[in-house]
Amino acid sequence: MAMKLSSIDQFEQIIEENNYAFVLKHSETCPISANAFDQFNKFLYERDMDGYYLVVQQERELSNYIEEKTHVKHESPQAFYFVKGQAIWHANHGDINVTSLANAEE
């Protein structure tokens, strides 16, 4: 299930307290992002796992923080896989799909 992130503190807590976490930066106004969000949710559902997302229009400060923390230029949609607090994988736009998310875990 995808759970909404709304603060830097919440984001930091999630990536520090979990061995791994998927995070999606989502734009509510972009059709490509809508498709990526559907793929993200399908991926989480198929694995019966939690993931996290933020809406970039609502959480600009958090979006910028993730860009600074990961040193990955902001794009949306944008997915990250964090392991032990570090982003070890990311994808943008049409590259966010069930297969690419599954491959990130390997």
PDB file of N, CA and C in Angstrom:
ATOM      1  N   MET A   1       0.835  -1.175   0.000  1.00  0.00           N
ATOM      2  CA  MET A   1       0.000   0.000   0.000  1.00  0.00           C
ATOM      3  C   MET A   1       0.887   1.248   0.000  1.00  0.00           C
ATOM      4  N   ALA A   2       0.499   2.222  -0.807  1.00  0.00           N
ATOM      5  CA  ALA A   2       1.251   3.475  -0.874  1.00  0.00           C
ATOM      6  C   ALA A   2       0.734   4.439   0.183  1.00  0.00           C
ATOM      7  N   MET A   3       1.657   4.932   0.990  1.00  0.00           N
ATOM      8  CA  MET A   3       1.300   5.872   2.052  1.00  0.00           C
ATOM      9  C   MET A   3       1.921   7.231   1.746  1.00  0.00           C
ATOM     10  N   LYS A   4       1.148   8.270   1.979  1.00  0.00           N
ATOM     11  CA  LYS A   4       1.558   9.625   1.625  1.00  0.00           C
ATOM     12  C   LYS A   4       2.538  10.204   2.644  1.00  0.00           C
ATOM     13  N   LEU A   5       3.602  10.787   2.124  1.00  0.00           N
ATOM     14  CA  LEU A   5       4.580  11.489   2.951  1.00  0.00           C
ATOM     15  C   LEU A   5       4.231  12.972   2.977  1.00  0.00           C
ATOM     16  N   SER A   6       4.398  13.577   4.149  1.00  0.00           N
ATOM     17  CA  SER A   6       4.037  14.989   4.247  1.00  0.00           C
ATOM     18  C   SER A   6       5.076  15.844   4.974  1.00  0.00           C
ATOM     19  N   SER A   7       6.212  15.246   5.340  1.00  0.00           N
ATOM     20  CA  SER A   7       7.234  16.051   6.011  1.00  0.00           C
ATOM     21  C   SER A   7       8.614  15.418   5.861  1.00  0.00           C
ATOM     22  N   ILE A   8       9.622  16.245   6.019  1.00  0.00           N
ATOM     23  CA  ILE A   8      10.999  15.763   5.990  1.00  0.00           C
ATOM     24  C   ILE A   8      11.240  14.807   7.151  1.00  0.00           C
ATOM     25  N   ASP A   9      10.735  15.132   8.318  1.00  0.00           N
ATOM     26  CA  ASP A   9      10.911  14.260   9.486  1.00  0.00           C
ATOM     27  C   ASP A   9      10.312  12.883   9.245  1.00  0.00           C
ATOM     28  N   GLN A  10       9.130  12.834   8.660  1.00  0.00           N
ATOM     29  CA  GLN A  10       8.478  11.556   8.363  1.00  0.00           C
ATOM     30  C   GLN A  10       9.319  10.758   7.363  1.00  0.00           C
ATOM     31  N   PHE A  11       9.796  11.414   6.318  1.00  0.00           N
ATOM     32  CA  PHE A  11      10.647  10.766   5.324  1.00  0.00           C
ATOM     33  C   PHE A  11      11.905  10.193   5.974  1.00  0.00           C
ATOM     34  N   GLU A  12      12.591  10.997   6.773  1.00  0.00           N
ATOM     35  CA  GLU A  12      13.818  10.545   7.438  1.00  0.00           C
ATOM     36  C   GLU A  12      13.545   9.357   8.359  1.00  0.00           C
ATOM     37  N   GLN A  13      12.455   9.410   9.081  1.00  0.00           N
ATOM     38  CA  GLN A  13      12.104   8.309   9.978  1.00  0.00           C
ATOM     39  C   GLN A  13      11.900   7.021   9.186  1.00  0.00           C
ATOM     40  N   ILE A  14      11.216   7.105   8.068  1.00  0.00           N
ATOM     41  CA  ILE A  14      10.932   5.916   7.260  1.00  0.00           C
ATOM     42  C   ILE A  14      12.209   5.311   6.696  1.00  0.00           C
ATOM     43  N   ILE A  15      13.084   6.141   6.129  1.00  0.00           N
ATOM     44  CA  ILE A  15      14.276   5.548   5.516  1.00  0.00           C
ATOM     45  C   ILE A  15      15.309   5.108   6.544  1.00  0.00           C
ATOM     46  N   GLU A  16      15.231   5.634   7.756  1.00  0.00           N
ATOM     47  CA  GLU A  16      16.158   5.208   8.808  1.00  0.00           C
ATOM     48  C   GLU A  16      15.658   3.976   9.560  1.00  0.00           C
ATOM     49  N   GLU A  17      14.357   3.860   9.748  1.00  0.00           N
ATOM     50  CA  GLU A  17      13.800   2.760  10.541  1.00  0.00           C
ATOM     51  C   GLU A  17      13.515   1.507   9.722  1.00  0.00           C
ATOM     52  N   ASN A  18      13.504   1.627   8.404  1.00  0.00           N
ATOM     53  CA  ASN A  18      13.250   0.475   7.543  1.00  0.00           C
ATOM     54  C   ASN A  18      14.534   0.107   6.812  1.00  0.00           C
ATOM     55  N   ASN A  19      14.772  -1.180   6.657  1.00  0.00           N
ATOM     56  CA  ASN A  19      15.950  -1.605   5.907  1.00  0.00           C
ATOM     57  C   ASN A  19      15.857  -1.187   4.451  1.00  0.00           C
ATOM     58  N   TYR A  20      14.635  -1.130   3.932  1.00  0.00           N
ATOM     59  CA  TYR A  20      14.438  -0.709   2.551  1.00  0.00           C
ATOM     60  C   TYR A  20      13.115   0.034   2.439  1.00  0.00           C
ATOM     61  N   ALA A  21      13.034   0.912   1.436  1.00  0.00           N
ATOM     62  CA  ALA A  21      11.799   1.662   1.208  1.00  0.00           C
ATOM     63  C   ALA A  21      11.775   2.184  -0.222  1.00  0.00           C
ATOM     64  N   PHE A  22      10.624   2.053  -0.853  1.00  0.00           N
ATOM     65  CA  PHE A  22      10.385   2.665  -2.154  1.00  0.00           C
ATOM     66  C   PHE A  22       9.660   3.981  -1.939  1.00  0.00           C
ATOM     67  N   VAL A  23      10.106   5.019  -2.639  1.00  0.00           N
ATOM     68  CA  VAL A  23       9.497   6.349  -2.537  1.00  0.00           C
ATOM     69  C   VAL A  23       9.252   6.862  -3.953  1.00  0.00           C
ATOM     70  N   LEU A  24       8.062   7.393  -4.172  1.00  0.00           N
ATOM     71  CA  LEU A  24       7.696   7.952  -5.474  1.00  0.00           C
ATOM     72  C   LEU A  24       7.380   9.431  -5.335  1.00  0.00           C
ATOM     73  N   LYS A  25       8.014  10.245  -6.169  1.00  0.00           N
ATOM     74  CA  LYS A  25       7.639  11.657  -6.303  1.00  0.00           C
ATOM     75  C   LYS A  25       6.589  11.713  -7.406  1.00  0.00           C
ATOM     76  N   HIS A  26       5.407  12.175  -7.064  1.00  0.00           N
ATOM     77  CA  HIS A  26       4.252  12.120  -7.963  1.00  0.00           C
ATOM     78  C   HIS A  26       3.719  13.518  -8.250  1.00  0.00           C
ATOM     79  N   SER A  27       3.380  13.764  -9.509  1.00  0.00           N
ATOM     80  CA  SER A  27       2.740  15.020  -9.905  1.00  0.00           C
ATOM     81  C   SER A  27       1.273  14.740 -10.204  1.00  0.00           C
ATOM     82  N   GLU A  28       0.395  15.485  -9.571  1.00  0.00           N
ATOM     83  CA  GLU A  28      -1.042  15.283  -9.782  1.00  0.00           C
ATOM     84  C   GLU A  28      -1.525  15.798 -11.137  1.00  0.00           C
ATOM     85  N   THR A  29      -0.700  16.533 -11.854  1.00  0.00           N
ATOM     86  CA  THR A  29      -1.142  17.132 -13.112  1.00  0.00           C
ATOM     87  C   THR A  29      -0.529  16.489 -14.351  1.00  0.00           C
ATOM     88  N   CYS A  30       0.250  15.463 -14.188  1.00  0.00           N
ATOM     89  CA  CYS A  30       0.976  14.847 -15.304  1.00  0.00           C
ATOM     90  C   CYS A  30       0.436  13.449 -15.602  1.00  0.00           C
ATOM     91  N   PRO A  31       0.001  13.180 -16.839  1.00  0.00           N
ATOM     92  CA  PRO A  31      -0.506  11.847 -17.170  1.00  0.00           C
ATOM     93  C   PRO A  31       0.563  10.754 -17.073  1.00  0.00           C
ATOM     94  N   ILE A  32       1.816  11.091 -17.361  1.00  0.00           N
ATOM     95  CA  ILE A  32       2.898  10.108 -17.211  1.00  0.00           C
ATOM     96  C   ILE A  32       3.050   9.739 -15.742  1.00  0.00           C
ATOM     97  N   SER A  33       2.923  10.728 -14.870  1.00  0.00           N
ATOM     98  CA  SER A  33       3.008  10.476 -13.435  1.00  0.00           C
ATOM     99  C   SER A  33       1.830   9.631 -12.959  1.00  0.00           C
ATOM    100  N   ALA A  34       0.657   9.862 -13.522  1.00  0.00           N
ATOM    101  CA  ALA A  34      -0.514   9.052 -13.157  1.00  0.00           C
ATOM    102  C   ALA A  34      -0.263   7.587 -13.493  1.00  0.00           C
ATOM    103  N   ASN A  35       0.334   7.323 -14.648  1.00  0.00           N
ATOM    104  CA  ASN A  35       0.653   5.949 -15.028  1.00  0.00           C
ATOM    105  C   ASN A  35       1.714   5.364 -14.098  1.00  0.00           C
ATOM    106  N   ALA A  36       2.739   6.142 -13.778  1.00  0.00           N
ATOM    107  CA  ALA A  36       3.785   5.669 -12.863  1.00  0.00           C
ATOM    108  C   ALA A  36       3.200   5.364 -11.489  1.00  0.00           C
ATOM    109  N   PHE A  37       2.274   6.204 -11.032  1.00  0.00           N
ATOM    110  CA  PHE A  37       1.626   5.982  -9.738  1.00  0.00           C
ATOM    111  C   PHE A  37       0.831   4.678  -9.758  1.00  0.00           C
ATOM    112  N   ASP A  38       0.136   4.404 -10.860  1.00  0.00           N
ATOM    113  CA  ASP A  38      -0.593   3.134 -10.998  1.00  0.00           C
ATOM    114  C   ASP A  38       0.367   1.947 -10.966  1.00  0.00           C
ATOM    115  N   GLN A  39       1.476   2.053 -11.684  1.00  0.00           N
ATOM    116  CA  GLN A  39       2.471   0.978 -11.698  1.00  0.00           C
ATOM    117  C   GLN A  39       3.082   0.772 -10.310  1.00  0.00           C
ATOM    118  N   PHE A  40       3.352   1.852  -9.620  1.00  0.00           N
ATOM    119  CA  PHE A  40       3.900   1.812  -8.262  1.00  0.00           C
ATOM    120  C   PHE A  40       2.939   1.074  -7.333  1.00  0.00           C
ATOM    121  N   ASN A  41       1.668   1.438  -7.392  1.00  0.00           N
ATOM    122  CA  ASN A  41       0.665   0.786  -6.548  1.00  0.00           C
ATOM    123  C   ASN A  41       0.489  -0.682  -6.904  1.00  0.00           C
ATOM    124  N   LYS A  42       0.526  -1.002  -8.181  1.00  0.00           N
ATOM    125  CA  LYS A  42       0.413  -2.401  -8.611  1.00  0.00           C
ATOM    126  C   LYS A  42       1.597  -3.213  -8.078  1.00  0.00           C
ATOM    127  N   PHE A  43       2.786  -2.657  -8.190  1.00  0.00           N
ATOM    128  CA  PHE A  43       3.993  -3.305  -7.676  1.00  0.00           C
ATOM    129  C   PHE A  43       3.860  -3.589  -6.181  1.00  0.00           C
ATOM    130  N   LEU A  44       3.438  -2.585  -5.419  1.00  0.00           N
ATOM    131  CA  LEU A  44       3.285  -2.756  -3.971  1.00  0.00           C
ATOM    132  C   LEU A  44       2.222  -3.791  -3.644  1.00  0.00           C
ATOM    133  N   TYR A  45       1.115  -3.760  -4.360  1.00  0.00           N
ATOM    134  CA  TYR A  45       0.018  -4.704  -4.127  1.00  0.00           C
ATOM    135  C   TYR A  45       0.476  -6.135  -4.405  1.00  0.00           C
ATOM    136  N   GLU A  46       1.155  -6.342  -5.521  1.00  0.00           N
ATOM    137  CA  GLU A  46       1.613  -7.690  -5.892  1.00  0.00           C
ATOM    138  C   GLU A  46       2.574  -8.271  -4.861  1.00  0.00           C
ATOM    139  N   ARG A  47       3.298  -7.424  -4.169  1.00  0.00           N
ATOM    140  CA  ARG A  47       4.265  -7.887  -3.172  1.00  0.00           C
ATOM    141  C   ARG A  47       3.765  -7.752  -1.742  1.00  0.00           C
ATOM    142  N   ASP A  48       2.554  -7.248  -1.586  1.00  0.00           N
ATOM    143  CA  ASP A  48       1.963  -7.038  -0.261  1.00  0.00           C
ATOM    144  C   ASP A  48       2.941  -6.276   0.634  1.00  0.00           C
ATOM    145  N   MET A  49       3.401  -5.145   0.115  1.00  0.00           N
ATOM    146  CA  MET A  49       4.366  -4.343   0.857  1.00  0.00           C
ATOM    147  C   MET A  49       3.940  -2.878   0.857  1.00  0.00           C
ATOM    148  N   ASP A  50       4.513  -2.123   1.781  1.00  0.00           N
ATOM    149  CA  ASP A  50       4.249  -0.692   1.857  1.00  0.00           C
ATOM    150  C   ASP A  50       5.273   0.070   1.025  1.00  0.00           C
ATOM    151  N   GLY A  51       4.838   1.192   0.507  1.00  0.00           N
ATOM    152  CA  GLY A  51       5.701   2.134  -0.189  1.00  0.00           C
ATOM    153  C   GLY A  51       5.225   3.528   0.170  1.00  0.00           C
ATOM    154  N   TYR A  52       5.940   4.522  -0.286  1.00  0.00           N
ATOM    155  CA  TYR A  52       5.648   5.890   0.129  1.00  0.00           C
ATOM    156  C   TYR A  52       5.687   6.812  -1.078  1.00  0.00           C
ATOM    157  N   TYR A  53       4.856   7.834  -1.033  1.00  0.00           N
ATOM    158  CA  TYR A  53       4.833   8.801  -2.121  1.00  0.00           C
ATOM    159  C   TYR A  53       4.613  10.201  -1.576  1.00  0.00           C
ATOM    160  N   LEU A  54       5.008  11.174  -2.385  1.00  0.00           N
ATOM    161  CA  LEU A  54       4.700  12.556  -2.071  1.00  0.00           C
ATOM    162  C   LEU A  54       4.186  13.212  -3.336  1.00  0.00           C
ATOM    163  N   VAL A  55       3.289  14.153  -3.165  1.00  0.00           N
ATOM    164  CA  VAL A  55       2.769  14.939  -4.277  1.00  0.00           C
ATOM    165  C   VAL A  55       3.637  16.192  -4.358  1.00  0.00           C
ATOM    166  N   VAL A  56       4.367  16.329  -5.461  1.00  0.00           N
ATOM    167  CA  VAL A  56       5.362  17.399  -5.539  1.00  0.00           C
ATOM    168  C   VAL A  56       4.738  18.792  -5.441  1.00  0.00           C
ATOM    169  N   GLN A  57       3.523  18.957  -5.928  1.00  0.00           N
ATOM    170  CA  GLN A  57       2.876  20.269  -5.845  1.00  0.00           C
ATOM    171  C   GLN A  57       2.553  20.654  -4.399  1.00  0.00           C
ATOM    172  N   GLN A  58       2.357  19.665  -3.545  1.00  0.00           N
ATOM    173  CA  GLN A  58       1.995  19.915  -2.150  1.00  0.00           C
ATOM    174  C   GLN A  58       3.199  19.886  -1.212  1.00  0.00           C
ATOM    175  N   GLU A  59       4.229  19.176  -1.595  1.00  0.00           N
ATOM    176  CA  GLU A  59       5.381  18.947  -0.705  1.00  0.00           C
ATOM    177  C   GLU A  59       6.685  19.360  -1.379  1.00  0.00           C
ATOM    178  N   ARG A  60       6.729  20.590  -1.844  1.00  0.00           N
ATOM    179  CA  ARG A  60       7.909  21.092  -2.555  1.00  0.00           C
ATOM    180  C   ARG A  60       9.167  21.029  -1.680  1.00  0.00           C
ATOM    181  N   GLU A  61       9.039  21.393  -0.411  1.00  0.00           N
ATOM    182  CA  GLU A  61      10.200  21.365   0.488  1.00  0.00           C
ATOM    183  C   GLU A  61      10.752  19.945   0.621  1.00  0.00           C
ATOM    184  N   LEU A  62       9.888  18.970   0.777  1.00  0.00           N
ATOM    185  CA  LEU A  62      10.315  17.575   0.882  1.00  0.00           C
ATOM    186  C   LEU A  62      10.926  17.102  -0.433  1.00  0.00           C
ATOM    187  N   SER A  63      10.313  17.460  -1.541  1.00  0.00           N
ATOM    188  CA  SER A  63      10.848  17.089  -2.848  1.00  0.00           C
ATOM    189  C   SER A  63      12.261  17.638  -3.030  1.00  0.00           C
ATOM    190  N   ASN A  64      12.462  18.888  -2.682  1.00  0.00           N
ATOM    191  CA  ASN A  64      13.799  19.494  -2.778  1.00  0.00           C
ATOM    192  C   ASN A  64      14.787  18.816  -1.833  1.00  0.00           C
ATOM    193  N   TYR A  65      14.319  18.444  -0.650  1.00  0.00           N
ATOM    194  CA  TYR A  65      15.175  17.768   0.326  1.00  0.00           C
ATOM    195  C   TYR A  65      15.659  16.421  -0.224  1.00  0.00           C
ATOM    196  N   ILE A  66      14.761  15.678  -0.848  1.00  0.00           N
ATOM    197  CA  ILE A  66      15.139  14.380  -1.421  1.00  0.00           C
ATOM    198  C   ILE A  66      16.166  14.582  -2.533  1.00  0.00           C
ATOM    199  N   GLU A  67      15.991  15.621  -3.332  1.00  0.00           N
ATOM    200  CA  GLU A  67      16.967  15.928  -4.381  1.00  0.00           C
ATOM    201  C   GLU A  67      18.341  16.200  -3.765  1.00  0.00           C
ATOM    202  N   GLU A  68      18.383  16.995  -2.710  1.00  0.00           N
ATOM    203  CA  GLU A  68      19.649  17.308  -2.041  1.00  0.00           C
ATOM    204  C   GLU A  68      20.265  16.066  -1.404  1.00  0.00           C
ATOM    205  N   LYS A  69      19.445  15.260  -0.758  1.00  0.00           N
ATOM    206  CA  LYS A  69      19.939  14.074  -0.046  1.00  0.00           C
ATOM    207  C   LYS A  69      20.506  13.033  -1.009  1.00  0.00           C
ATOM    208  N   THR A  70      19.836  12.847  -2.141  1.00  0.00           N
ATOM    209  CA  THR A  70      20.225  11.795  -3.077  1.00  0.00           C
ATOM    210  C   THR A  70      21.194  12.270  -4.152  1.00  0.00           C
ATOM    211  N   HIS A  71      21.311  13.582  -4.321  1.00  0.00           N
ATOM    212  CA  HIS A  71      22.119  14.161  -5.399  1.00  0.00           C
ATOM    213  C   HIS A  71      21.603  13.734  -6.772  1.00  0.00           C
ATOM    214  N   VAL A  72      20.297  13.510  -6.853  1.00  0.00           N
ATOM    215  CA  VAL A  72      19.643  13.154  -8.112  1.00  0.00           C
ATOM    216  C   VAL A  72      18.725  14.310  -8.486  1.00  0.00           C
ATOM    217  N   LYS A  73      18.957  14.890  -9.666  1.00  0.00           N
ATOM    218  CA  LYS A  73      18.164  16.029 -10.125  1.00  0.00           C
ATOM    219  C   LYS A  73      16.676  15.679 -10.125  1.00  0.00           C
ATOM    220  N   HIS A  74      15.868  16.603  -9.625  1.00  0.00           N
ATOM    221  CA  HIS A  74      14.425  16.380  -9.532  1.00  0.00           C
ATOM    222  C   HIS A  74      13.793  16.227 -10.911  1.00  0.00           C
ATOM    223  N   GLU A  75      12.960  15.217 -11.021  1.00  0.00           N
ATOM    224  CA  GLU A  75      12.050  15.037 -12.142  1.00  0.00           C
ATOM    225  C   GLU A  75      10.794  14.434 -11.544  1.00  0.00           C
ATOM    226  N   SER A  76       9.699  14.551 -12.265  1.00  0.00           N
ATOM    227  CA  SER A  76       8.510  13.843 -11.790  1.00  0.00           C
ATOM    228  C   SER A  76       7.771  13.302 -13.007  1.00  0.00           C
ATOM    229  N   PRO A  77       7.334  12.068 -12.881  1.00  0.00           N
ATOM    230  CA  PRO A  77       7.482  11.220 -11.701  1.00  0.00           C
ATOM    231  C   PRO A  77       8.927  10.732 -11.547  1.00  0.00           C
ATOM    232  N   GLN A  78       9.233  10.367 -10.315  1.00  0.00           N
ATOM    233  CA  GLN A  78      10.576   9.881  -9.995  1.00  0.00           C
ATOM    234  C   GLN A  78      10.460   8.886  -8.843  1.00  0.00           C
ATOM    235  N   ALA A  79      11.037   7.701  -9.036  1.00  0.00           N
ATOM    236  CA  ALA A  79      10.989   6.661  -8.005  1.00  0.00           C
ATOM    237  C   ALA A  79      12.395   6.412  -7.474  1.00  0.00           C
ATOM    238  N   PHE A  80      12.453   6.110  -6.184  1.00  0.00           N
ATOM    239  CA  PHE A  80      13.710   5.791  -5.509  1.00  0.00           C
ATOM    240  C   PHE A  80      13.547   4.498  -4.726  1.00  0.00           C
ATOM    241  N   TYR A  81      14.645   3.755  -4.624  1.00  0.00           N
ATOM    242  CA  TYR A  81      14.712   2.603  -3.732  1.00  0.00           C
ATOM    243  C   TYR A  81      15.824   2.896  -2.735  1.00  0.00           C
ATOM    244  N   PHE A  82      15.444   3.015  -1.469  1.00  0.00           N
ATOM    245  CA  PHE A  82      16.386   3.282  -0.388  1.00  0.00           C
ATOM    246  C   PHE A  82      16.685   1.992   0.358  1.00  0.00           C
ATOM    247  N   VAL A  83      17.963   1.737   0.600  1.00  0.00           N
ATOM    248  CA  VAL A  83      18.401   0.608   1.411  1.00  0.00           C
ATOM    249  C   VAL A  83      19.292   1.173   2.510  1.00  0.00           C
ATOM    250  N   LYS A  84      18.885   0.910   3.745  1.00  0.00           N
ATOM    251  CA  LYS A  84      19.618   1.405   4.915  1.00  0.00           C
ATOM    252  C   LYS A  84      19.898   2.908   4.811  1.00  0.00           C
ATOM    253  N   GLY A  85      18.882   3.653   4.386  1.00  0.00           N
ATOM    254  CA  GLY A  85      18.963   5.103   4.348  1.00  0.00           C
ATOM    255  C   GLY A  85      19.594   5.710   3.112  1.00  0.00           C
ATOM    256  N   GLN A  86      20.110   4.871   2.199  1.00  0.00           N
ATOM    257  CA  GLN A  86      20.774   5.369   0.996  1.00  0.00           C
ATOM    258  C   GLN A  86      19.970   5.014  -0.252  1.00  0.00           C
ATOM    259  N   ALA A  87      19.858   5.962  -1.164  1.00  0.00           N
ATOM    260  CA  ALA A  87      19.193   5.692  -2.442  1.00  0.00           C
ATOM    261  C   ALA A  87      20.150   4.884  -3.307  1.00  0.00           C
ATOM    262  N   ILE A  88      19.771   3.644  -3.608  1.00  0.00           N
ATOM    263  CA  ILE A  88      20.642   2.797  -4.424  1.00  0.00           C
ATOM    264  C   ILE A  88      20.122   2.647  -5.851  1.00  0.00           C
ATOM    265  N   TRP A  89      18.903   3.158  -6.102  1.00  0.00           N
ATOM    266  CA  TRP A  89      18.294   3.059  -7.432  1.00  0.00           C
ATOM    267  C   TRP A  89      17.308   4.199  -7.592  1.00  0.00           C
ATOM    268  N   HIS A  90      17.170   4.661  -8.817  1.00  0.00           N
ATOM    269  CA  HIS A  90      16.120   5.629  -9.125  1.00  0.00           C
ATOM    270  C   HIS A  90      15.737   5.503 -10.592  1.00  0.00           C
ATOM    271  N   ALA A  91      14.524   5.916 -10.902  1.00  0.00           N
ATOM    272  CA  ALA A  91      14.025   5.911 -12.277  1.00  0.00           C
ATOM    273  C   ALA A  91      13.073   7.086 -12.447  1.00  0.00           C
ATOM    274  N   ASN A  92      12.896   7.498 -13.703  1.00  0.00           N
ATOM    275  CA  ASN A  92      12.041   8.635 -14.012  1.00  0.00           C
ATOM    276  C   ASN A  92      11.054   8.276 -15.120  1.00  0.00           C
ATOM    277  N   HIS A  93       9.998   9.019 -15.158  1.00  0.00           N
ATOM    278  CA  HIS A  93       9.020   8.996 -16.238  1.00  0.00           C
ATOM    279  C   HIS A  93       8.561   7.578 -16.589  1.00  0.00           C
ATOM    280  N   GLY A  94       8.629   7.226 -17.878  1.00  0.00           N
ATOM    281  CA  GLY A  94       8.138   5.934 -18.343  1.00  0.00           C
ATOM    282  C   GLY A  94       8.964   4.749 -17.891  1.00  0.00           C
ATOM    283  N   ASP A  95      10.115   5.010 -17.284  1.00  0.00           N
ATOM    284  CA  ASP A  95      10.947   3.912 -16.770  1.00  0.00           C
ATOM    285  C   ASP A  95      10.442   3.384 -15.432  1.00  0.00           C
ATOM    286  N   ILE A  96       9.393   3.999 -14.899  1.00  0.00           N
ATOM    287  CA  ILE A  96       8.815   3.531 -13.633  1.00  0.00           C
ATOM    288  C   ILE A  96       7.681   2.576 -13.964  1.00  0.00           C
ATOM    289  N   ASN A  97       7.946   1.293 -13.766  1.00  0.00           N
ATOM    290  CA  ASN A  97       6.934   0.264 -14.014  1.00  0.00           C
ATOM    291  C   ASN A  97       7.193  -0.918 -13.087  1.00  0.00           C
ATOM    292  N   VAL A  98       6.274  -1.855 -13.091  1.00  0.00           N
ATOM    293  CA  VAL A  98       6.372  -3.001 -12.183  1.00  0.00           C
ATOM    294  C   VAL A  98       7.706  -3.726 -12.368  1.00  0.00           C
ATOM    295  N   THR A  99       8.113  -3.928 -13.606  1.00  0.00           N
ATOM    296  CA  THR A  99       9.348  -4.663 -13.883  1.00  0.00           C
ATOM    297  C   THR A  99      10.576  -3.919 -13.363  1.00  0.00           C
ATOM    298  N   SER A 100      10.656  -2.621 -13.640  1.00  0.00           N
ATOM    299  CA  SER A 100      11.840  -1.873 -13.188  1.00  0.00           C
ATOM    300  C   SER A 100      11.894  -1.788 -11.668  1.00  0.00           C
ATOM    301  N   LEU A 101      10.746  -1.639 -11.032  1.00  0.00           N
ATOM    302  CA  LEU A 101      10.708  -1.613  -9.564  1.00  0.00           C
ATOM    303  C   LEU A 101      11.155  -2.961  -8.995  1.00  0.00           C
ATOM    304  N   ALA A 102      10.692  -4.046  -9.600  1.00  0.00           N
ATOM    305  CA  ALA A 102      11.091  -5.383  -9.144  1.00  0.00           C
ATOM    306  C   ALA A 102      12.590  -5.596  -9.344  1.00  0.00           C
ATOM    307  N   ASN A 103      13.115  -5.126 -10.473  1.00  0.00           N
ATOM    308  CA  ASN A 103      14.547  -5.272 -10.739  1.00  0.00           C
ATOM    309  C   ASN A 103      15.393  -4.475  -9.753  1.00  0.00           C
ATOM    310  N   ALA A 104      14.859  -3.389  -9.234  1.00  0.00           N
ATOM    311  CA  ALA A 104      15.592  -2.575  -8.257  1.00  0.00           C
ATOM    312  C   ALA A 104      15.886  -3.362  -6.990  1.00  0.00           C
ATOM    313  N   GLU A 105      15.004  -4.288  -6.651  1.00  0.00           N
ATOM    314  CA  GLU A 105      15.181  -5.090  -5.432  1.00  0.00           C
ATOM    315  C   GLU A 105      16.296  -6.114  -5.570  1.00  0.00           C
ATOM    316  N   GLU A 106      16.641  -6.477  -6.782  1.00  0.00           N
ATOM    317  CA  GLU A 106      17.611  -7.565  -6.999  1.00  0.00           C
ATOM    318  C   GLU A 106      19.040  -7.115  -6.861  1.00  0.00           C
TER     319      GLU A 106
END
